C-alpha atoms as a PDB file:
ATOM      1  CA  MET A   1      -5.478 113.808 238.760  1.00  0.00           C
ATOM      2  CA  THR A   2      -7.089 110.725 240.218  1.00  0.00           C
ATOM      3  CA  GLU A   3     -10.555 112.180 240.740  1.00  0.00           C
ATOM      4  CA  SER A   4     -13.314 111.409 238.256  1.00  0.00           C
ATOM      5  CA  TYR A   5     -14.201 113.897 235.532  1.00  0.00           C
ATOM      6  CA  ARG A   6     -16.931 114.592 232.980  1.00  0.00           C
ATOM      7  CA  THR A   7     -16.394 114.005 229.278  1.00  0.00           C
ATOM      8  CA  VAL A   8     -18.452 113.065 226.214  1.00  0.00           C
ATOM      9  CA  GLU A   9     -19.521 109.447 225.753  1.00  0.00           C
ATOM     10  CA  GLY A  10     -18.478 109.305 222.109  1.00  0.00           C
ATOM     11  CA  ARG A  11     -18.420 111.398 218.985  1.00  0.00           C
ATOM     12  CA  GLY A  12     -21.325 113.756 218.381  1.00  0.00           C
ATOM     13  CA  GLN A  13     -22.414 116.001 215.527  1.00  0.00           C
ATOM     14  CA  ALA A  14     -25.153 118.583 215.063  1.00  0.00           C
ATOM     15  CA  SER A  15     -25.949 121.017 212.257  1.00  0.00           C
ATOM     16  CA  PHE A  16     -28.197 124.067 211.884  1.00  0.00           C
ATOM     17  CA  GLU A  17     -28.531 127.247 209.834  1.00  0.00           C
ATOM     18  CA  VAL A  18     -28.331 130.873 210.929  1.00  0.00           C
ATOM     19  CA  SER A  19     -29.145 133.574 208.354  1.00  0.00           C
ATOM     20  CA  GLY A  20     -28.031 131.338 205.478  1.00  0.00           C
ATOM     21  CA  SER A  21     -24.763 130.172 207.092  1.00  0.00           C
ATOM     22  CA  GLU A  22     -24.590 126.455 207.851  1.00  0.00           C
ATOM     23  CA  PHE A  23     -22.933 125.466 211.132  1.00  0.00           C
ATOM     24  CA  ILE A  24     -21.867 121.909 211.982  1.00  0.00           C
ATOM     25  CA  GLY A  25     -20.681 121.119 215.512  1.00  0.00           C
ATOM     26  CA  HIS A  26     -18.379 118.122 216.022  1.00  0.00           C
ATOM     27  CA  ILE A  27     -17.156 116.729 219.354  1.00  0.00           C
ATOM     28  CA  ALA A  28     -15.072 113.754 220.488  1.00  0.00           C
ATOM     29  CA  PRO A  29     -13.535 112.316 223.655  1.00  0.00           C
ATOM     30  CA  VAL A  30      -9.700 112.466 223.640  1.00  0.00           C
ATOM     31  CA  ASP A  31      -7.003 111.273 226.060  1.00  0.00           C
ATOM     32  CA  THR A  32      -4.086 113.493 225.025  1.00  0.00           C
ATOM     33  CA  VAL A  33      -3.285 116.866 223.470  1.00  0.00           C
ATOM     34  CA  GLU A  34      -2.006 114.937 220.403  1.00  0.00           C
ATOM     35  CA  ALA A  35      -5.364 113.157 220.070  1.00  0.00           C
ATOM     36  CA  ALA A  36      -7.197 116.496 220.388  1.00  0.00           C
ATOM     37  CA  GLU A  37      -5.055 118.064 217.665  1.00  0.00           C
ATOM     38  CA  ALA A  38      -5.488 114.998 215.445  1.00  0.00           C
ATOM     39  CA  PHE A  39      -9.288 115.296 215.755  1.00  0.00           C
ATOM     40  CA  VAL A  40      -9.127 119.013 214.883  1.00  0.00           C
ATOM     41  CA  GLU A  41      -6.969 118.212 211.818  1.00  0.00           C
ATOM     42  CA  GLU A  42      -9.276 115.353 210.777  1.00  0.00           C
ATOM     43  CA  ILE A  43     -12.357 117.631 210.778  1.00  0.00           C
ATOM     44  CA  ALA A  44     -10.486 120.466 209.048  1.00  0.00           C
ATOM     45  CA  ALA A  45      -9.420 118.020 206.308  1.00  0.00           C
ATOM     46  CA  GLU A  46     -12.899 116.506 205.972  1.00  0.00           C
ATOM     47  CA  TYR A  47     -14.466 119.983 205.701  1.00  0.00           C
ATOM     48  CA  ALA A  48     -11.594 121.639 203.828  1.00  0.00           C
ATOM     49  CA  ASP A  49     -14.102 123.514 201.629  1.00  0.00           C
ATOM     50  CA  ALA A  50     -15.732 125.213 204.658  1.00  0.00           C
ATOM     51  CA  THR A  51     -15.238 128.916 205.351  1.00  0.00           C
ATOM     52  CA  HIS A  52     -14.104 128.253 208.937  1.00  0.00           C
ATOM     53  CA  ASN A  53     -13.302 125.263 211.175  1.00  0.00           C
ATOM     54  CA  VAL A  54     -13.139 126.634 214.721  1.00  0.00           C
ATOM     55  CA  PRO A  55     -11.404 124.335 217.262  1.00  0.00           C
ATOM     56  CA  ALA A  56     -11.549 124.208 221.068  1.00  0.00           C
ATOM     57  CA  TYR A  57     -10.311 121.555 223.467  1.00  0.00           C
ATOM     58  CA  ARG A  58      -9.669 120.842 227.158  1.00  0.00           C
ATOM     59  CA  VAL A  59      -7.251 118.032 228.039  1.00  0.00           C
ATOM     60  CA  ARG A  60      -6.146 116.624 231.406  1.00  0.00           C
ATOM     61  CA  ALA A  61      -2.384 116.853 230.984  1.00  0.00           C
ATOM     62  CA  GLU A  62       0.509 118.176 233.062  1.00  0.00           C
ATOM     63  CA  PRO A  63      -0.119 121.100 232.992  1.00  0.00           C
ATOM     64  CA  PHE A  64      -3.847 121.144 232.130  1.00  0.00           C
ATOM     65  CA  ARG A  65      -4.277 122.297 228.519  1.00  0.00           C
ATOM     66  CA  GLU A  66      -7.015 124.493 227.060  1.00  0.00           C
ATOM     67  CA  TYR A  67      -6.944 125.748 223.497  1.00  0.00           C
ATOM     68  CA  ALA A  68      -9.220 127.624 221.113  1.00  0.00           C
ATOM     69  CA  SER A  69      -8.789 129.520 217.850  1.00  0.00           C
ATOM     70  CA  ASP A  70     -11.078 131.907 215.962  1.00  0.00           C
ATOM     71  CA  ASP A  71      -9.837 130.478 212.611  1.00  0.00           C
ATOM     72  CA  ASN A  72     -10.046 133.904 210.932  1.00  0.00           C
ATOM     73  CA  GLU A  73     -13.429 134.848 212.389  1.00  0.00           C
ATOM     74  CA  PRO A  74     -13.422 138.257 214.183  1.00  0.00           C
ATOM     75  CA  SER A  75     -11.358 138.115 217.384  1.00  0.00           C
ATOM     76  CA  GLY A  76     -13.253 136.637 220.331  1.00  0.00           C
ATOM     77  CA  SER A  77     -16.323 135.709 218.267  1.00  0.00           C
ATOM     78  CA  ALA A  78     -15.730 131.979 217.777  1.00  0.00           C
ATOM     79  CA  GLY A  79     -12.998 130.071 219.626  1.00  0.00           C
ATOM     80  CA  LYS A  80     -13.585 131.573 223.078  1.00  0.00           C
ATOM     81  CA  PRO A  81     -17.383 131.073 222.979  1.00  0.00           C
ATOM     82  CA  ALA A  82     -16.790 127.445 221.885  1.00  0.00           C
ATOM     83  CA  LEU A  83     -14.306 126.869 224.720  1.00  0.00           C
ATOM     84  CA  ASN A  84     -16.655 128.566 227.207  1.00  0.00           C
ATOM     85  CA  VAL A  85     -19.293 125.883 226.567  1.00  0.00           C
ATOM     86  CA  LEU A  86     -16.775 123.127 227.406  1.00  0.00           C
ATOM     87  CA  GLU A  87     -15.890 125.010 230.608  1.00  0.00           C
ATOM     88  CA  GLN A  88     -19.528 125.653 231.584  1.00  0.00           C
ATOM     89  CA  GLU A  89     -20.380 121.973 231.033  1.00  0.00           C
ATOM     90  CA  ASP A  90     -17.271 121.100 233.095  1.00  0.00           C
ATOM     91  CA  LEU A  91     -16.002 118.733 230.387  1.00  0.00           C
ATOM     92  CA  GLU A  92     -12.406 117.505 230.186  1.00  0.00           C
ATOM     93  CA  ASN A  93     -10.525 115.285 227.716  1.00  0.00           C
ATOM     94  CA  VAL A  94     -12.756 116.615 224.973  1.00  0.00           C
ATOM     95  CA  ALA A  95     -12.168 118.266 221.586  1.00  0.00           C
ATOM     96  CA  ALA A  96     -14.696 120.264 219.571  1.00  0.00           C
ATOM     97  CA  VAL A  97     -14.698 121.800 216.108  1.00  0.00           C
ATOM     98  CA  VAL A  98     -17.466 123.988 214.722  1.00  0.00           C
ATOM     99  CA  THR A  99     -17.530 124.131 210.920  1.00  0.00           C
ATOM    100  CA  ARG A 100     -19.113 127.126 209.160  1.00  0.00           C
ATOM    101  CA  TYR A 101     -20.166 127.509 205.550  1.00  0.00           C
ATOM    102  CA  TYR A 102     -20.666 131.250 205.023  1.00  0.00           C
ATOM    103  CA  GLY A 103     -24.112 132.108 203.725  1.00  0.00           C
ATOM    104  CA  GLY A 104     -23.621 135.712 202.623  1.00  0.00           C
ATOM    105  CA  THR A 105     -24.953 137.509 205.726  1.00  0.00           C
ATOM    106  CA  ASN A 106     -22.588 138.883 208.372  1.00  0.00           C
ATOM    107  CA  LEU A 107     -23.792 137.798 211.804  1.00  0.00           C
ATOM    108  CA  GLY A 108     -21.756 140.255 213.882  1.00  0.00           C
ATOM    109  CA  VAL A 109     -19.641 139.247 216.876  1.00  0.00           C
ATOM    110  CA  GLY A 110     -22.671 138.534 219.088  1.00  0.00           C
ATOM    111  CA  GLY A 111     -24.398 136.440 216.435  1.00  0.00           C
ATOM    112  CA  LEU A 112     -21.225 134.481 215.745  1.00  0.00           C
ATOM    113  CA  ALA A 113     -20.600 133.874 219.451  1.00  0.00           C
ATOM    114  CA  ARG A 114     -24.138 132.506 219.850  1.00  0.00           C
ATOM    115  CA  ALA A 115     -23.823 130.288 216.779  1.00  0.00           C
ATOM    116  CA  TYR A 116     -20.436 128.818 217.733  1.00  0.00           C
ATOM    117  CA  SER A 117     -21.616 128.224 221.317  1.00  0.00           C
ATOM    118  CA  ARG A 118     -24.731 126.498 219.984  1.00  0.00           C
ATOM    119  CA  GLY A 119     -22.619 124.314 217.671  1.00  0.00           C
ATOM    120  CA  VAL A 120     -20.636 122.945 220.630  1.00  0.00           C
ATOM    121  CA  LYS A 121     -23.674 122.640 222.916  1.00  0.00           C
ATOM    122  CA  GLU A 122     -25.735 120.679 220.361  1.00  0.00           C
ATOM    123  CA  ALA A 123     -22.780 118.394 219.547  1.00  0.00           C
ATOM    124  CA  ILE A 124     -22.413 117.646 223.287  1.00  0.00           C
ATOM    125  CA  ASP A 125     -26.139 116.871 223.490  1.00  0.00           C
ATOM    126  CA  ALA A 126     -25.795 114.513 220.503  1.00  0.00           C
ATOM    127  CA  ALA A 127     -22.781 112.728 222.041  1.00  0.00           C
ATOM    128  CA  GLY A 128     -24.020 112.467 225.636  1.00  0.00           C
ATOM    129  CA  VAL A 129     -21.978 113.118 228.787  1.00  0.00           C
ATOM    130  CA  VAL A 130     -20.388 110.475 231.036  1.00  0.00           C
ATOM    131  CA  GLU A 131     -18.439 110.435 234.276  1.00  0.00           C
ATOM    132  CA  GLN A 132     -14.982 108.934 233.750  1.00  0.00           C
ATOM    133  CA  ARG A 133     -12.318 107.830 236.178  1.00  0.00           C
ATOM    134  CA  PRO A 134      -8.677 108.108 235.132  1.00  0.00           C
ATOM    135  CA  HIS A 135      -7.306 104.705 234.113  1.00  0.00           C
ATOM    136  CA  ASP A 136      -3.846 103.128 234.021  1.00  0.00           C
ATOM    137  CA  ARG A 137      -2.809 100.682 231.319  1.00  0.00           C
ATOM    138  CA  PHE A 138      -0.049  98.160 231.935  1.00  0.00           C
ATOM    139  CA  SER A 139       0.930  94.622 231.051  1.00  0.00           C
ATOM    140  CA  ILE A 140       1.478  91.653 233.374  1.00  0.00           C
ATOM    141  CA  THR A 141       3.647  88.795 232.106  1.00  0.00           C
ATOM    142  CA  VAL A 142       3.659  85.394 233.841  1.00  0.00           C
ATOM    143  CA  GLU A 143       4.519  81.754 233.217  1.00  0.00           C
ATOM    144  CA  TYR A 144       1.665  79.446 232.200  1.00  0.00           C
ATOM    145  CA  ASP A 145       1.583  77.959 235.727  1.00  0.00           C
ATOM    146  CA  ASP A 146       0.607  81.349 237.180  1.00  0.00           C
ATOM    147  CA  SER A 147      -1.715  82.464 234.379  1.00  0.00           C
ATOM    148  CA  GLY A 148      -4.866  80.847 235.811  1.00  0.00           C
ATOM    149  CA  ASP A 149      -4.417  82.643 239.155  1.00  0.00           C
ATOM    150  CA  VAL A 150      -3.815  85.999 237.458  1.00  0.00           C
ATOM    151  CA  ARG A 151      -6.785  85.574 235.139  1.00  0.00           C
ATOM    152  CA  GLY A 152      -8.968  84.643 238.120  1.00  0.00           C
ATOM    153  CA  ILE A 153      -7.946  87.830 239.981  1.00  0.00           C
ATOM    154  CA  LEU A 154      -8.617  90.046 236.943  1.00  0.00           C
ATOM    155  CA  GLU A 155     -12.030  88.467 236.389  1.00  0.00           C
ATOM    156  CA  SER A 156     -13.002  88.693 240.079  1.00  0.00           C
ATOM    157  CA  GLU A 157     -12.060  92.410 240.114  1.00  0.00           C
ATOM    158  CA  SER A 158     -13.947  93.028 236.812  1.00  0.00           C
ATOM    159  CA  VAL A 159     -10.781  94.482 235.281  1.00  0.00           C
ATOM    160  CA  GLU A 160     -10.753  95.074 231.503  1.00  0.00           C
ATOM    161  CA  PHE A 161      -7.987  92.949 229.978  1.00  0.00           C
ATOM    162  CA  GLU A 162      -6.717  91.144 226.893  1.00  0.00           C
ATOM    163  CA  ALA A 163      -4.613  87.986 227.181  1.00  0.00           C
ATOM    164  CA  GLU A 164      -1.864  86.859 224.781  1.00  0.00           C
ATOM    165  CA  TYR A 165      -0.700  83.264 225.081  1.00  0.00           C
ATOM    166  CA  GLU A 166       2.800  82.838 223.623  1.00  0.00           C
ATOM    167  CA  ALA A 167       5.996  81.511 225.272  1.00  0.00           C
ATOM    168  CA  GLU A 168       4.646  83.262 228.346  1.00  0.00           C
ATOM    169  CA  VAL A 169       1.225  84.730 229.057  1.00  0.00           C
ATOM    170  CA  THR A 170       0.800  88.518 228.872  1.00  0.00           C
ATOM    171  CA  PHE A 171      -2.287  90.276 230.203  1.00  0.00           C
ATOM    172  CA  VAL A 172      -2.774  93.860 229.039  1.00  0.00           C
ATOM    173  CA  VAL A 173      -5.032  95.519 231.615  1.00  0.00           C
ATOM    174  CA  ARG A 174      -6.912  98.806 231.915  1.00  0.00           C
ATOM    175  CA  VAL A 175      -7.757  99.604 235.515  1.00  0.00           C
ATOM    176  CA  PRO A 176      -8.954 102.718 237.386  1.00  0.00           C
ATOM    177  CA  SER A 177      -5.804 104.577 238.541  1.00  0.00           C
ATOM    178  CA  VAL A 178      -6.942 104.494 242.181  1.00  0.00           C
ATOM    179  CA  ASP A 179      -7.064 100.654 242.095  1.00  0.00           C
ATOM    180  CA  ALA A 180      -3.858 100.025 240.103  1.00  0.00           C
ATOM    181  CA  SER A 181      -1.322  99.614 242.916  1.00  0.00           C
ATOM    182  CA  ALA A 182      -3.604  97.326 244.976  1.00  0.00           C
ATOM    183  CA  LEU A 183      -4.098  95.126 241.910  1.00  0.00           C
ATOM    184  CA  ARG A 184      -0.337  94.920 241.309  1.00  0.00           C
ATOM    185  CA  ASP A 185       0.193  93.964 244.989  1.00  0.00           C
ATOM    186  CA  ARG A 186      -2.471  91.261 244.818  1.00  0.00           C
ATOM    187  CA  ILE A 187      -0.922  89.726 241.688  1.00  0.00           C
ATOM    188  CA  ARG A 188       2.619  89.922 243.132  1.00  0.00           C
ATOM    189  CA  SER A 189       1.495  88.004 246.211  1.00  0.00           C
ATOM    190  CA  ALA A 190      -0.548  85.445 244.208  1.00  0.00           C
ATOM    191  CA  THR A 191       2.481  84.673 242.011  1.00  0.00           C
ATOM    192  CA  SER A 192       5.074  84.913 244.826  1.00  0.00           C
ATOM    193  CA  GLY A 193       6.669  87.847 242.984  1.00  0.00           C
ATOM    194  CA  ARG A 194       7.108  85.967 239.672  1.00  0.00           C
ATOM    195  CA  ALA A 195       4.878  88.350 237.652  1.00  0.00           C
ATOM    196  CA  THR A 196       6.570  91.156 235.722  1.00  0.00           C
ATOM    197  CA  PHE A 197       4.848  94.489 235.068  1.00  0.00           C
ATOM    198  CA  GLU A 198       5.407  96.992 232.274  1.00  0.00           C
END
């Protein structure tokens, strides 16, 4: 899974009414199934008084994970339409929840499907879509003598990093997965193999 993928830029929210029912779409970028489930639980807790909180997510994992639930709406009227929007938009590492406050009018399966789809779509529009490349995170630990060379390499490659100066110097880096092994090789050779990686 080294190729780039589409996801949302940040959290997004959108609300609208259909025949007296209020719908609120929520969306967030996530890196893991655990993060997706945590977002679903967070929204369900925040809107615990709602009639329904319908979740859907797609996560790049081994194997790829897709999940949706109707949350007690009629079968096929809520979760699947919400998930379909994520699939149609070709979004991955994303979690959505559509909250519904029932307004007294039954919308029917078709009406519900349209409303839940719209909730996800408008939340995506609010969040914005970005192209992401998979990243690796690892730490590089070196003696002070080597730290200037390592820092220079990271800065010249425009790698995201944080440095901790203690008994030794540790750089925690986030680098596109496709570039990770070349970066490790470059640092190994610059430090004559003295750098340790975790």
